Protein backbone atom coordinates (compact mmCIF):
# COMPACT_ATOMS: atom_id res chain seq x y z
CA MET A 1 98.58 -26.61 38.17
CA PRO A 2 95.30 -27.44 39.53
CA ASN A 3 96.96 -27.88 43.00
CA LYS A 4 98.67 -24.44 42.75
CA LYS A 5 94.99 -22.80 42.20
CA ARG A 6 93.47 -24.68 45.05
CA ASN A 7 96.17 -23.77 47.68
CA GLU A 8 95.83 -20.19 46.68
CA SER A 9 92.22 -20.36 48.36
CA PHE A 10 92.54 -19.12 51.99
CA ILE A 11 89.27 -20.82 52.64
CA LEU A 12 90.17 -24.10 51.33
CA GLN A 13 93.33 -24.01 53.46
CA ALA A 14 91.33 -23.16 56.40
CA GLY A 15 89.31 -26.07 55.52
CA ILE A 16 92.14 -28.34 55.52
CA LEU A 17 93.25 -27.06 58.83
CA ALA A 18 89.54 -27.39 60.16
CA SER A 19 89.24 -31.03 59.22
CA ALA A 20 92.40 -31.83 61.02
CA GLY A 21 91.19 -29.85 64.01
CA ILE A 22 88.03 -31.49 64.13
CA VAL A 23 89.58 -34.78 63.57
CA VAL A 24 91.86 -33.98 66.45
CA ARG A 25 89.16 -33.10 68.68
CA ILE A 26 87.27 -36.25 67.75
CA ILE A 27 90.06 -38.56 68.61
CA GLY A 28 90.38 -36.32 71.86
CA LEU A 29 86.62 -37.12 72.64
CA LEU A 30 87.30 -40.80 71.79
CA TYR A 31 90.27 -41.60 73.92
CA ASN A 32 88.49 -39.53 76.76
CA THR A 33 86.04 -42.05 77.03
CA PRO A 34 88.45 -44.92 78.36
CA LEU A 35 90.51 -42.32 80.07
CA VAL A 36 87.59 -41.24 82.34
CA ALA A 37 86.82 -44.90 82.75
CA ILE A 38 90.06 -45.66 84.38
CA ILE A 39 90.57 -42.47 86.22
CA GLY A 40 87.13 -41.68 87.22
CA ASP A 41 85.31 -38.32 87.45
CA GLU A 42 87.34 -37.55 90.21
CA GLY A 43 90.78 -38.07 88.35
CA PHE A 44 89.24 -36.17 85.22
CA GLY A 45 88.57 -33.19 87.40
CA TYR A 46 92.27 -33.19 88.37
CA TYR A 47 93.42 -33.70 85.01
CA ASN A 48 91.49 -30.76 83.76
CA SER A 49 92.59 -28.57 86.84
CA ALA A 50 96.30 -29.39 85.87
CA TYR A 51 95.49 -28.78 82.07
CA TYR A 52 94.01 -25.64 82.51
CA ALA A 53 96.91 -24.45 84.44
CA TYR A 54 99.32 -25.73 81.90
CA SER A 55 97.34 -24.29 79.09
CA ILE A 56 97.56 -20.75 80.51
CA VAL A 57 101.32 -20.69 80.91
CA LEU A 58 101.72 -22.29 77.51
CA LEU A 59 99.50 -19.52 76.06
CA ILE A 60 101.74 -16.88 77.64
CA SER A 61 104.96 -18.46 76.48
CA SER A 62 104.47 -20.07 73.39
CA TYR A 63 100.91 -20.79 72.13
CA SER A 64 100.64 -17.73 69.95
CA ILE A 65 104.10 -18.18 68.34
CA PRO A 66 102.36 -19.81 65.11
CA SER A 67 100.09 -17.09 64.59
CA ALA A 68 102.79 -14.32 65.19
CA VAL A 69 105.38 -16.01 63.36
CA SER A 70 103.22 -16.58 60.20
CA LYS A 71 102.11 -13.05 60.31
CA VAL A 72 105.57 -11.43 60.36
CA ILE A 73 107.00 -13.90 57.69
CA ALA A 74 104.20 -13.57 55.32
CA GLN A 75 104.53 -9.74 55.30
CA ARG A 76 108.04 -10.47 54.10
CA LEU A 77 107.22 -13.18 51.75
CA ALA A 78 104.77 -10.80 50.31
CA VAL A 79 107.38 -8.60 49.12
CA LYS A 80 109.68 -11.58 48.18
CA GLU A 81 112.24 -10.84 51.07
CA TYR A 82 112.94 -14.64 51.57
CA ARG A 83 116.45 -14.12 53.36
CA ASN A 84 114.76 -11.78 56.02
CA ALA A 85 112.01 -14.32 56.17
CA HIS A 86 114.38 -16.93 57.30
CA ARG A 87 116.16 -14.52 59.69
CA ILE A 88 112.87 -13.88 61.52
CA PHE A 89 112.46 -17.81 61.66
CA HIS A 90 115.80 -18.15 63.28
CA CYS A 91 115.14 -15.47 65.77
CA ALA A 92 111.67 -16.80 66.42
CA PHE A 93 113.56 -20.17 67.19
CA ILE A 94 115.77 -18.74 69.71
CA TYR A 95 113.16 -16.70 71.36
CA VAL A 96 111.01 -20.09 72.21
CA LEU A 97 114.14 -21.83 73.46
CA VAL A 98 114.49 -19.20 75.78
CA VAL A 99 110.81 -18.47 77.07
CA GLY A 100 109.88 -22.05 76.72
CA GLY A 101 112.69 -22.94 78.98
CA ILE A 102 111.98 -20.62 81.72
CA ALA A 103 108.17 -21.38 81.51
CA SER A 104 108.78 -24.82 81.77
CA LEU A 105 110.85 -24.59 85.12
CA PHE A 106 108.32 -22.31 86.40
CA VAL A 107 105.60 -24.82 86.09
CA PHE A 108 107.68 -27.70 87.44
CA PHE A 109 108.72 -25.80 90.53
CA GLY A 110 105.62 -23.53 90.96
CA ALA A 111 102.86 -26.25 90.26
CA GLY A 112 101.40 -25.68 93.86
CA LEU A 113 101.04 -21.99 93.03
CA LEU A 114 98.96 -22.47 90.01
CA VAL A 115 96.38 -25.14 90.86
CA GLU A 116 94.18 -25.05 94.34
CA MET A 117 93.77 -28.92 94.62
CA ASP A 118 96.78 -30.91 96.11
CA ASN A 119 96.18 -33.79 93.98
CA ALA A 120 96.44 -31.77 90.53
CA VAL A 121 99.98 -30.85 91.33
CA PHE A 122 101.57 -34.05 90.35
CA PRO A 123 100.21 -34.06 86.80
CA LEU A 124 100.71 -30.57 86.31
CA ARG A 125 104.50 -30.92 87.15
CA LEU A 126 104.73 -33.91 84.52
CA LEU A 127 103.32 -31.33 82.07
CA ALA A 128 106.03 -28.68 82.47
CA PRO A 129 108.52 -30.14 79.78
CA THR A 130 105.76 -30.20 77.18
CA ILE A 131 105.70 -26.53 77.25
CA PHE A 132 109.46 -26.17 75.92
CA PHE A 133 108.67 -28.73 73.12
CA SER A 134 105.28 -26.72 72.19
CA GLY A 135 107.24 -23.46 71.66
CA ILE A 136 109.73 -25.18 69.13
CA LEU A 137 106.79 -26.98 67.28
CA GLY A 138 104.82 -23.84 67.43
CA VAL A 139 107.72 -21.84 65.37
CA LEU A 140 107.95 -24.81 62.72
CA ARG A 141 104.16 -24.47 62.44
CA GLY A 142 104.10 -21.05 61.71
CA TYR A 143 106.94 -20.85 59.07
CA PHE A 144 104.79 -23.28 56.86
CA GLN A 145 101.70 -21.28 57.69
CA ALA A 146 103.17 -18.08 56.53
CA HIS A 147 103.57 -19.61 53.27
CA ARG A 148 99.83 -20.09 53.22
CA THR A 149 99.91 -24.08 53.30
CA MET A 150 98.32 -25.56 56.19
CA VAL A 151 98.89 -29.40 55.13
CA GLN A 152 102.17 -29.63 57.34
CA THR A 153 100.60 -28.19 60.29
CA SER A 154 97.34 -30.43 59.83
CA PHE A 155 99.46 -33.60 59.49
CA SER A 156 101.43 -32.85 62.75
CA GLN A 157 98.17 -32.15 64.77
CA ILE A 158 96.78 -35.59 63.89
CA ILE A 159 100.15 -37.42 64.50
CA GLU A 160 100.26 -35.41 67.86
CA GLN A 161 96.90 -36.40 68.93
CA LEU A 162 96.97 -40.08 67.93
CA ILE A 163 100.25 -40.37 70.18
CA ASN A 164 98.51 -38.52 72.63
CA ALA A 165 95.72 -40.92 72.74
CA GLY A 166 97.13 -43.88 72.99
CA MET A 167 99.68 -42.71 75.50
CA SER A 168 97.30 -41.18 77.80
CA VAL A 169 95.05 -44.30 78.01
CA GLY A 170 98.17 -46.60 78.54
CA MET A 171 100.11 -44.55 81.06
CA ALA A 172 96.93 -43.90 83.14
CA TYR A 173 96.31 -47.36 83.38
CA VAL A 174 99.80 -47.90 84.40
CA MET A 175 100.14 -45.13 87.10
CA VAL A 176 96.55 -46.31 88.40
CA GLN A 177 98.11 -49.82 88.92
CA LEU A 178 101.25 -48.33 90.71
CA VAL A 179 99.08 -47.26 93.48
CA ALA A 180 96.35 -49.76 93.17
CA ASP A 181 96.50 -50.26 96.96
CA GLN A 182 96.05 -46.75 97.98
CA ASP A 183 93.02 -44.47 98.70
CA ALA A 184 90.84 -43.50 95.61
CA SER A 185 91.87 -39.94 95.65
CA THR A 186 95.58 -41.04 95.12
CA ARG A 187 94.41 -43.24 92.70
CA ALA A 188 93.00 -40.38 90.72
CA SER A 189 95.76 -38.29 90.77
CA TYR A 190 98.19 -40.66 89.63
CA GLY A 191 95.81 -41.72 86.74
CA ALA A 192 95.43 -37.99 85.87
CA ALA A 193 99.43 -37.71 85.95
CA GLY A 194 99.39 -40.62 83.47
CA GLY A 195 97.14 -38.93 81.03
CA THR A 196 99.42 -35.96 81.02
CA ILE A 197 102.26 -37.92 80.03
CA GLY A 198 100.27 -38.84 76.84
CA THR A 199 100.16 -34.90 75.81
CA GLY A 200 103.81 -34.67 76.13
CA ALA A 201 104.47 -37.65 74.17
CA GLY A 202 102.04 -36.29 71.35
CA VAL A 203 103.87 -32.90 71.11
CA LEU A 204 107.20 -34.39 70.76
CA ALA A 205 105.84 -36.71 67.94
CA GLY A 206 104.51 -33.62 66.27
CA LEU A 207 107.74 -31.77 66.70
CA LEU A 208 109.82 -34.78 65.12
CA PHE A 209 107.14 -34.77 62.09
CA MET A 210 107.41 -31.04 61.46
CA ALA A 211 111.43 -31.01 62.03
CA GLY A 212 111.26 -33.99 59.34
CA VAL A 213 109.26 -31.67 57.03
CA TYR A 214 111.72 -28.87 57.50
CA ALA A 215 114.85 -31.23 56.52
CA LEU A 216 113.09 -32.33 53.36
CA ASN A 217 112.54 -28.81 52.10
CA LYS A 218 115.93 -27.53 53.47
CA LYS A 219 117.56 -27.58 49.99
CA THR A 220 114.91 -25.51 48.53
CA ILE A 221 114.82 -23.11 51.27
CA LYS A 222 118.78 -22.51 50.99
CA ARG A 223 118.21 -21.89 47.11
CA ARG A 224 115.68 -19.23 47.46
CA ILE A 225 117.63 -17.55 50.13
CA GLU A 226 120.62 -17.43 47.81
CA ARG A 227 118.42 -15.85 45.07
CA ASP A 228 117.33 -13.21 47.19
CA THR A 229 119.93 -10.44 46.59
CA GLY A 230 118.03 -7.46 46.09
CA HIS A 231 116.93 -6.67 49.51
CA THR A 232 118.89 -5.44 52.73
CA ASP A 233 119.34 -7.70 55.42
CA GLU A 234 117.67 -6.88 58.74
CA SER A 235 119.61 -6.71 61.73
CA TYR A 236 119.02 -9.51 64.41
CA ARG A 237 118.59 -6.94 67.01
CA ASP A 238 115.85 -5.23 64.91
CA ILE A 239 114.33 -8.75 64.22
CA PHE A 240 114.36 -9.50 67.74
CA LYS A 241 112.67 -6.07 68.73
CA MET A 242 110.15 -6.56 66.23
CA ILE A 243 109.15 -10.23 67.20
CA LEU A 244 108.84 -8.67 70.82
CA LEU A 245 106.33 -6.21 69.29
CA VAL A 246 104.48 -8.51 67.57
CA VAL A 247 104.38 -11.72 69.71
CA THR A 248 103.90 -9.65 72.98
CA PRO A 249 100.60 -8.36 71.88
CA PHE A 250 99.80 -11.89 70.44
CA ILE A 251 100.75 -13.27 73.69
CA ILE A 252 98.66 -10.93 75.86
CA SER A 253 95.33 -10.87 73.62
CA THR A 254 95.37 -14.89 73.22
CA GLY A 255 96.43 -15.30 76.93
CA ILE A 256 93.31 -12.90 78.23
CA TYR A 257 91.25 -14.56 75.65
CA ASN A 258 91.74 -18.05 76.64
CA ILE A 259 92.23 -17.24 80.55
CA ASN A 260 88.52 -17.59 81.35
CA SER A 261 88.55 -21.38 81.42
CA PHE A 262 91.62 -21.00 83.96
CA LEU A 263 89.99 -18.33 85.86
CA ASP A 264 86.52 -19.84 86.00
CA ASN A 265 88.04 -23.21 87.35
CA THR A 266 90.05 -21.22 89.76
CA ILE A 267 87.17 -19.00 90.96
CA TYR A 268 85.00 -22.16 91.40
CA GLN A 269 87.65 -24.20 93.33
CA GLN A 270 88.13 -21.12 95.67
CA ILE A 271 84.66 -20.28 96.52
CA MET A 272 83.42 -23.87 96.82
CA MET A 273 86.35 -25.12 98.83
CA ASN A 274 86.92 -22.23 100.99
CA ALA A 275 83.74 -20.18 101.18
CA LYS A 276 81.17 -23.17 100.86
CA GLY A 277 83.30 -25.86 102.51
CA MET A 278 82.96 -28.38 99.83
CA ALA A 279 85.14 -31.32 99.72
CA GLU A 280 88.15 -31.30 97.02
CA ALA A 281 86.87 -34.64 95.60
CA VAL A 282 83.25 -33.22 95.20
CA VAL A 283 84.53 -30.27 93.69
CA ALA A 284 86.79 -32.21 91.17
CA THR A 285 83.87 -34.34 90.51
CA ASN A 286 81.64 -31.29 89.60
CA LEU A 287 84.60 -29.62 87.35
CA SER A 288 84.56 -32.76 85.32
CA ALA A 289 81.00 -32.31 84.40
CA ILE A 290 81.72 -29.00 82.94
CA ALA A 291 84.82 -30.30 81.19
CA LYS A 292 82.96 -32.81 79.43
CA GLY A 293 80.70 -30.33 78.08
CA THR A 294 83.54 -28.01 77.21
CA LYS A 295 85.12 -30.78 75.27
CA ILE A 296 82.37 -31.42 73.04
CA SER A 297 81.30 -27.74 72.55
CA ASN A 298 85.12 -27.10 71.28
CA ILE A 299 84.79 -29.36 68.21
CA PRO A 300 82.82 -26.97 65.91
CA ILE A 301 85.11 -24.25 67.23
CA ALA A 302 88.01 -25.83 65.55
CA MET A 303 86.43 -24.66 62.02
CA ALA A 304 86.80 -20.79 63.60
CA SER A 305 90.42 -21.52 64.99
CA ALA A 306 91.40 -22.89 61.66
CA MET A 307 89.94 -20.15 59.59
CA ALA A 308 91.56 -17.48 61.99
CA THR A 309 95.04 -19.30 61.48
CA ALA A 310 94.53 -19.47 57.68
CA LEU A 311 93.29 -15.73 57.51
CA ILE A 312 96.31 -14.06 59.37
CA PRO A 313 98.89 -14.29 56.33
CA GLY A 314 96.29 -13.64 53.74
CA ILE A 315 95.05 -10.32 55.31
CA SER A 316 98.77 -9.49 56.72
CA SER A 317 99.93 -9.84 53.03
CA ASP A 318 96.96 -7.79 51.61
CA PHE A 319 97.36 -5.23 54.43
CA ALA A 320 101.20 -4.92 53.83
CA LYS A 321 100.57 -4.31 49.94
CA GLY A 322 97.82 -1.72 50.69
CA ASN A 323 94.84 -3.81 49.41
CA PRO A 324 91.98 -2.96 51.60
CA GLU A 325 89.51 -4.61 49.49
CA GLY A 326 91.31 -8.00 49.51
CA VAL A 327 91.20 -7.57 53.15
CA LYS A 328 87.37 -6.83 53.20
CA ASN A 329 86.83 -9.54 51.03
CA LYS A 330 88.52 -12.31 53.04
CA VAL A 331 86.83 -11.00 56.08
CA ALA A 332 83.31 -11.40 54.87
CA LYS A 333 83.94 -15.05 53.03
CA SER A 334 85.49 -16.34 56.49
CA ILE A 335 82.86 -14.84 58.71
CA LYS A 336 80.13 -16.24 56.44
CA VAL A 337 81.69 -19.55 56.17
CA THR A 338 82.08 -19.76 59.85
CA MET A 339 78.53 -18.85 60.65
CA LEU A 340 77.17 -21.44 58.21
CA ILE A 341 79.05 -24.06 60.17
CA SER A 342 78.79 -22.92 63.75
CA ILE A 343 74.86 -21.82 63.95
CA PRO A 344 73.84 -25.49 62.87
CA CYS A 345 76.36 -27.09 64.97
CA ALA A 346 75.17 -24.91 67.98
CA VAL A 347 71.69 -25.79 67.51
CA GLY A 348 72.41 -29.76 66.81
CA ILE A 349 74.65 -29.90 70.06
CA GLY A 350 71.84 -27.91 72.05
CA VAL A 351 68.97 -30.22 71.18
CA LEU A 352 70.86 -33.51 71.16
CA ALA A 353 73.38 -32.79 74.19
CA LYS A 354 72.19 -35.89 75.99
CA PRO A 355 72.55 -38.64 73.44
CA VAL A 356 75.85 -36.94 72.24
CA MET A 357 77.03 -37.23 75.77
CA LYS A 358 75.69 -40.82 76.15
CA VAL A 359 77.91 -41.89 73.56
CA ILE A 360 81.28 -40.27 74.66
CA PHE A 361 81.01 -39.83 78.19
CA HIS A 362 78.38 -42.31 79.69
CA GLN A 363 79.02 -42.32 83.14
CA PRO A 364 75.69 -42.60 84.85
CA GLU A 365 76.19 -40.51 87.76
CA SER A 366 77.13 -37.53 86.01
CA LEU A 367 75.33 -38.11 82.71
CA GLN A 368 72.28 -35.94 83.24
CA ILE A 369 73.95 -32.95 84.86
CA SER A 370 76.80 -33.01 82.01
CA SER A 371 74.08 -33.14 79.23
CA ILE A 372 72.14 -30.00 80.88
CA LEU A 373 75.26 -27.97 81.22
CA LEU A 374 76.26 -29.08 77.36
CA SER A 375 72.90 -27.66 76.28
CA CYS A 376 73.01 -24.35 78.23
CA MET A 377 76.39 -23.67 76.79
CA ALA A 378 75.93 -24.75 73.35
CA VAL A 379 75.09 -21.16 72.15
CA SER A 380 78.78 -19.97 73.10
CA ILE A 381 79.83 -21.82 70.07
CA ILE A 382 78.50 -19.17 68.03
CA PHE A 383 80.03 -16.43 70.14
CA TYR A 384 83.20 -18.00 70.44
CA ALA A 385 83.59 -18.76 66.66
CA LEU A 386 83.03 -15.30 65.75
CA SER A 387 85.22 -13.79 68.48
CA THR A 388 88.00 -15.94 67.30
CA LEU A 389 87.94 -14.87 63.88
CA THR A 390 87.38 -11.37 64.61
CA GLN A 391 90.77 -11.36 66.86
CA ALA A 392 92.71 -12.80 64.14
CA ILE A 393 91.31 -10.06 61.84
CA LEU A 394 92.46 -7.34 64.31
CA GLN A 395 95.76 -8.68 64.84
CA SER A 396 96.18 -9.20 60.97
CA ILE A 397 95.75 -5.30 60.21
CA GLY A 398 98.00 -4.19 62.89
CA ARG A 399 95.40 -3.64 65.69
CA MET A 400 97.32 -5.70 68.26
CA ASN A 401 95.81 -3.83 71.17
CA MET A 402 92.09 -3.96 70.52
CA PRO A 403 91.86 -7.71 71.23
CA ILE A 404 93.80 -7.11 74.53
CA ILE A 405 91.46 -4.23 75.76
CA ASN A 406 88.09 -6.25 74.52
CA ALA A 407 89.37 -9.49 76.24
CA SER A 408 90.32 -7.78 79.33
CA ALA A 409 86.86 -6.05 79.57
CA ALA A 410 85.12 -9.30 79.04
CA VAL A 411 87.32 -10.94 81.62
CA ILE A 412 86.60 -8.51 84.16
CA LEU A 413 82.97 -8.28 83.75
CA HIS A 414 82.37 -11.96 83.39
CA ALA A 415 84.41 -12.82 86.39
CA GLY A 416 82.54 -10.10 88.66
CA VAL A 417 79.16 -11.72 87.70
CA MET A 418 80.20 -15.29 88.42
CA ILE A 419 81.90 -14.45 91.89
CA ALA A 420 78.54 -12.41 92.76
CA MET A 421 76.43 -15.36 91.73
CA MET A 422 78.26 -18.15 93.39
CA LEU A 423 78.58 -15.95 96.71
CA PHE A 424 75.14 -14.85 97.02
CA LEU A 425 72.90 -17.44 95.14
CA ASP A 426 71.77 -20.96 96.02
CA GLU A 427 75.09 -22.97 95.96
CA LYS A 428 73.15 -26.04 94.46
CA TYR A 429 73.08 -24.20 91.16
CA SER A 430 76.80 -23.24 91.14
CA LEU A 431 77.54 -25.27 87.87
CA PHE A 432 75.12 -23.04 86.00
CA TYR A 433 76.51 -19.98 87.25
CA TYR A 434 79.71 -21.41 85.85
CA VAL A 435 78.13 -22.16 82.43
CA PHE A 436 76.34 -18.76 82.40
CA ALA A 437 79.71 -16.76 82.95
CA THR A 438 81.21 -18.57 80.29
CA VAL A 439 78.38 -17.82 77.69
CA LEU A 440 78.52 -14.33 78.95
CA TYR A 441 82.05 -13.93 78.55
CA SER A 442 81.94 -15.12 74.83
CA PHE A 443 79.12 -13.10 74.11
CA LEU A 444 80.71 -9.78 75.28
CA LEU A 445 84.03 -10.74 73.43
CA CYS A 446 82.18 -11.40 70.19
CA VAL A 447 80.19 -8.09 70.42
CA LEU A 448 83.32 -5.91 71.25
CA ASN A 449 85.62 -7.35 68.69
CA GLN A 450 83.00 -7.01 65.88
CA ILE A 451 82.70 -3.34 66.98
CA ALA A 452 86.28 -2.84 66.65
CA VAL A 453 86.45 -4.68 63.22
CA HIS A 454 83.72 -2.31 61.94
CA ARG A 455 85.58 0.70 63.24
CA TYR A 456 88.80 0.02 61.81
CA LEU A 457 87.89 -1.43 58.32
CA GLN A 458 85.08 0.58 58.00
CA TYR A 459 83.23 -2.82 57.14
CA ARG A 460 79.94 -4.18 58.01
CA GLN A 461 79.02 -7.83 57.53
CA GLU A 462 76.18 -8.75 55.45
CA VAL A 463 73.29 -9.94 58.05
CA ASP A 464 70.44 -11.72 56.12
CA LYS A 465 72.55 -14.73 54.39
CA THR A 466 75.27 -14.64 56.69
CA PHE A 467 73.19 -14.78 60.07
CA LEU A 468 69.19 -14.72 59.64
CA ARG A 469 68.86 -17.61 56.96
CA PRO A 470 71.33 -20.03 58.81
CA VAL A 471 69.59 -19.40 62.03
CA ILE A 472 66.23 -19.98 60.91
CA ALA A 473 67.38 -23.32 58.73
CA SER A 474 69.24 -24.34 61.96
CA ALA A 475 65.98 -24.06 64.03
CA ILE A 476 63.87 -25.92 61.74
CA MET A 477 66.83 -28.55 61.57
CA GLY A 478 66.77 -28.90 65.34
CA VAL A 479 63.01 -29.69 65.64
CA ILE A 480 63.22 -32.29 62.97
CA ALA A 481 66.50 -34.01 64.45
CA PHE A 482 64.98 -33.72 67.75
CA GLY A 483 61.75 -35.47 66.46
CA ILE A 484 63.58 -38.05 64.73
CA TYR A 485 65.76 -39.17 67.48
CA GLN A 486 62.90 -39.39 70.06
CA GLY A 487 60.92 -41.20 67.75
CA LEU A 488 63.52 -43.85 66.87
CA TYR A 489 64.83 -44.01 70.36
CA TYR A 490 61.16 -45.12 71.32
CA LEU A 491 61.03 -47.58 68.77
CA CYS A 492 64.48 -49.29 68.99
CA GLY A 493 66.04 -47.94 72.11
CA ILE A 494 69.60 -47.85 70.61
CA ASN A 495 71.27 -44.47 71.21
CA ILE A 496 73.79 -44.67 68.65
CA ILE A 497 71.68 -45.66 65.95
CA SER A 498 68.85 -42.95 66.68
CA LEU A 499 71.67 -40.29 67.05
CA ALA A 500 73.32 -41.06 63.77
CA ALA A 501 70.03 -41.23 62.01
CA ALA A 502 68.87 -37.66 63.52
CA VAL A 503 72.50 -35.88 62.54
CA LEU A 504 72.33 -37.31 59.06
CA VAL A 505 68.69 -36.36 58.52
CA GLY A 506 69.49 -32.83 60.27
CA CYS A 507 72.50 -32.20 57.96
CA ALA A 508 70.49 -32.95 54.97
CA VAL A 509 67.61 -30.79 55.91
CA TYR A 510 69.85 -27.90 56.70
CA PHE A 511 71.72 -28.19 53.42
CA ILE A 512 68.79 -28.36 51.39
CA LEU A 513 67.31 -25.28 53.35
CA VAL A 514 70.73 -22.96 52.94
CA ILE A 515 70.77 -23.84 49.07
CA ARG A 516 67.09 -23.17 48.47
CA TRP A 517 67.00 -20.24 50.50
CA LYS A 518 70.09 -19.19 48.62
CA ALA A 519 71.95 -18.51 51.97
CA VAL A 520 75.16 -19.67 50.35
CA SER A 521 76.09 -19.48 46.32
CA GLU A 522 77.55 -22.03 44.11
CA GLU A 523 80.77 -20.07 43.90
CA GLU A 524 80.96 -19.92 47.94
CA LEU A 525 80.25 -23.62 48.02
CA CYS A 526 83.09 -24.23 45.44
CA SER A 527 85.80 -22.45 47.52
CA MET A 528 85.08 -24.87 50.51
CA PRO A 529 86.61 -28.01 50.96
CA LYS A 530 84.67 -30.70 48.93
CA GLY A 531 82.59 -27.95 47.45
CA GLN A 532 82.66 -29.61 44.12
CA LEU A 533 80.96 -32.79 45.62
CA LEU A 534 78.50 -30.71 47.47
CA ILE A 535 77.65 -28.95 44.06
CA ARG A 536 77.32 -31.92 42.32
CA ILE A 537 75.04 -33.67 44.96
CA ALA A 538 72.86 -30.49 44.94
CA LYS A 539 72.23 -30.53 41.26
CA LYS A 540 71.64 -34.55 40.96
CA THR A 541 68.99 -34.24 43.61
CA GLY A 542 67.62 -31.02 41.93
CA ILE A 543 68.23 -28.86 45.27
CA MET A 544 70.38 -26.22 43.15
CA LYS A 545 68.76 -24.85 40.14
CA GLU A 546 70.68 -24.69 36.78
CA GLU A 547 70.40 -20.98 36.64
CA THR A 548 72.59 -20.62 39.50
CA THR A 549 75.53 -22.35 37.55
CA LYS A 550 75.91 -19.72 34.97
CA LYS A 551 78.88 -18.04 36.44
CA LYS A 552 80.81 -20.91 36.38
CA ARG A 553 80.69 -21.15 32.50
CA ARG A 554 82.52 -17.68 32.42
CA ARG A 555 85.62 -19.32 34.01
CA PRO A 556 87.68 -20.25 30.98
CA ALA A 557 89.03 -16.55 31.15
CA LYS A 558 90.14 -17.08 34.63
CA LYS A 559 92.01 -20.08 33.62
CA LYS A 560 93.77 -18.39 30.87
CA ARG A 561 95.02 -15.72 33.48
CA VAL A 562 96.25 -18.55 35.78
CA LYS A 563 98.11 -19.93 32.71
CA LYS A 564 99.88 -16.89 32.24
CA ARG A 565 101.13 -16.74 35.73
CA LYS A 566 102.63 -20.14 35.40
CA ASN A 567 104.78 -18.73 32.52
CA LYS A 568 106.34 -16.38 35.02
CA PRO A 569 110.29 -16.63 35.61
CA ALA A 570 111.39 -19.42 37.87
CA LYS A 571 112.23 -17.25 40.68
CA GLU A 572 108.39 -15.97 41.01
CA GLN A 573 107.23 -19.53 40.50
CA ASP A 574 108.94 -20.56 43.58
CA ASP A 575 106.59 -18.48 45.68
CA TYR A 576 104.32 -21.58 46.08
CA TRP A 577 107.07 -24.25 46.44
CA LEU A 578 105.87 -25.21 49.83
CA ASP A 579 102.34 -25.62 48.84
CA GLU A 580 102.95 -28.40 46.37
């Protein structure tokens, strides 16, 4: 069946997850507009300070669970050990109930230890229960991801964010009205707390959806387990030991990888408030300007995160089977697709930072500085995208310690540079020191992970079509898009129309250049989401020449082989039951 063939493509699965991730981030940006209007820049600073602290505890307790669970279960599924795969699922569930519960209690009672600003403590306490529910949700997502299907996770993420958006804005308004007669900082704190209530409601909605999906498939799960009589059951003690050995490195590496936001936020607060004597409200407002840029730059990184999530089960499976060529092939494709998307996104955001910021975060007091900071951090999109992907590759081939070592080195070096700049250089440029440290961290991590991948896989990424041609095409695209925006804005003075036209023309220019310069082949386009549509557009417009399509005419032989697979016994046919 066509669906099976499509579901076997990890790039397509990554595309599904990336599409959901981008939709989720766009929803996040859209609801942040009314949220900031309600709670103000100061409240948004408190909200993000609480959120960074919550995120780091979530990372340590349960954020890495989907990746870790999908890795170990995928290895069992690769050799058809369905009973052991489900036993691992049960143990992972018990693990998150215990760890998530402890982490939630720690955040609730220790909130004052995690944030420097007093007005961020209340919002953080309201986030505490969310950690517990996130762990359970993570196990369910990881179980389905292990079967190489990202559809369930994608739908749950969208549902989670929709509920989050509505509840965050609604509860922020309600909480501000409760203290309408009090001072501005109190209103900002309560408004931020209302925003965090939405986060918890969203996670709970996603959990209910995934529980429903699991319930619908429960009979099939049971049937597959009953058929699996040819393997010895692993003891729960051994499984727990294995989960700890796998989950712990995932947690440490992911925690260190993402700790930079929390660390940078804390360093900035400590130095500005304690060493420089800056008021808490001013610090919160400054951090709000950085948070706005970070939220926008995170949208294209969703593609790399999705690619990494989709990559782990496939590479783990190939690695377990002793198939190094399959591993290298997946690595090459994933890096190339990620760079084809990340590079133009970084350039586009860099040159159109102000018009983009004006659409989403249009507060006049912080518009100029937020736009400049976004332009400065745009290059980190490329570095973060590549480092996210290479971290997943290293974890998938069993090199769990390398991401930890690399992330630790990058954290220490960038933190030292940031502290030195803020203490000894002019404090009026402190926000730029913050952004420089962020870019430095992403660059160091990118380089160190890439070196490790080359070392352990004896693999070197092709440079010309993966990096050079997309960079040149993106540079040309950026110049044209900037010119289009400036010209139209001069003529009509309407930001959204000028921006939309610049983006559309820029995308068209980049699409034409990468195809005409053969940076991407028809076969590679075909494996991407909506690849067939892109190919048809390219052919009808004459961008893609007909001689590049000869390979496609050889595909009937492949179709025959796929048909032969479909004639396998029912027991093997069930391998993709979750994909259908």
